[in-house]
Amino acid sequence: MSGSAPTRYPWGDRPLGREDILTAGQVADLPGLREGTIEDYARRELLPSFKLGKHRRFIRAQVEARIADLLEDAA
């Protein structure tokens, strides 16, 4: 077999764990932004998120990749 096996999940090669699902407050701590800014970015689809009932959640790997893209675009 040549090459690496394709990833099984869009966010990586393992199922999501509790540490992979973040709240807006936890996401805000990553780049040092306010929680309201993170919520606004999610509503405007600048950050990937999903809703669980009334609560918005974020997948860490997707958010980290998007923040890196935003920082790169700003440079």
Protein backbone atom coordinates (compact mmCIF):
# COMPACT_ATOMS: atom_id res chain seq x y z
CA MET A 1 0.00 0.00 0.00
CA SER A 2 1.47 3.39 -0.94
CA GLY A 3 0.76 6.79 0.58
CA SER A 4 -1.18 7.50 3.71
CA ALA A 5 -4.72 6.40 4.34
CA PRO A 6 -7.38 9.09 3.89
CA THR A 7 -8.63 10.71 7.07
CA ARG A 8 -11.83 9.24 8.35
CA TYR A 9 -13.28 12.47 9.69
CA PRO A 10 -13.23 16.02 8.27
CA TRP A 11 -11.42 17.23 11.43
CA GLY A 12 -8.79 14.47 11.63
CA ASP A 13 -8.24 10.79 12.13
CA ARG A 14 -10.15 10.17 15.36
CA PRO A 15 -13.64 10.72 16.75
CA LEU A 16 -14.30 14.01 18.49
CA GLY A 17 -13.63 14.11 22.20
CA ARG A 18 -14.92 16.48 24.84
CA GLU A 19 -11.78 18.65 24.43
CA ASP A 20 -12.51 19.11 20.69
CA ILE A 21 -15.91 20.82 21.13
CA LEU A 22 -15.59 24.42 22.30
CA THR A 23 -17.93 27.16 23.50
CA ALA A 24 -17.64 30.72 22.22
CA GLY A 25 -15.84 31.65 25.45
CA GLN A 26 -13.24 28.94 24.94
CA VAL A 27 -12.75 30.00 21.32
CA ALA A 28 -12.35 33.62 22.42
CA ASP A 29 -9.41 32.58 24.61
CA LEU A 30 -7.50 31.17 21.61
CA PRO A 31 -6.80 34.46 19.79
CA GLY A 32 -7.57 36.68 22.78
CA LEU A 33 -10.81 38.12 21.38
CA ARG A 34 -14.04 38.91 23.18
CA GLU A 35 -16.75 36.26 23.30
CA GLY A 36 -19.17 38.64 21.56
CA THR A 37 -16.75 39.00 18.66
CA ILE A 38 -16.57 35.22 18.29
CA GLU A 39 -20.38 34.96 18.31
CA ASP A 40 -20.57 37.71 15.68
CA TYR A 41 -17.98 35.98 13.47
CA ALA A 42 -19.91 32.72 13.77
CA ARG A 43 -23.23 34.38 12.85
CA ARG A 44 -21.55 35.98 9.82
CA GLU A 45 -20.00 32.59 8.97
CA LEU A 46 -16.44 33.89 9.33
CA LEU A 47 -15.86 31.08 11.84
CA PRO A 48 -17.27 27.57 11.38
CA SER A 49 -19.76 26.57 14.06
CA PHE A 50 -22.89 24.55 14.64
CA LYS A 51 -25.91 24.89 16.90
CA LEU A 52 -26.94 22.39 19.57
CA GLY A 53 -30.38 23.65 20.49
CA LYS A 54 -29.84 27.28 21.49
CA HIS A 55 -26.11 26.83 22.05
CA ARG A 56 -23.43 27.48 19.47
CA ARG A 57 -20.43 25.13 19.48
CA PHE A 58 -17.15 25.03 17.59
CA ILE A 59 -14.81 22.22 16.53
CA ARG A 60 -11.31 23.13 17.70
CA ALA A 61 -9.42 21.98 14.56
CA GLN A 62 -11.77 23.90 12.24
CA VAL A 63 -11.55 27.07 14.32
CA GLU A 64 -7.75 26.92 14.61
CA ALA A 65 -7.45 26.48 10.84
CA ARG A 66 -9.82 29.39 10.15
CA ILE A 67 -8.06 31.69 12.64
CA ALA A 68 -4.75 30.88 10.95
CA ASP A 69 -6.31 31.78 7.58
CA LEU A 70 -7.68 35.07 8.94
CA LEU A 71 -4.30 35.99 10.43
CA GLU A 72 -2.56 35.13 7.16
CA ASP A 73 -5.01 37.28 5.19
CA ALA A 74 -4.38 40.20 7.55
CA ALA A 75 -0.59 40.02 7.10
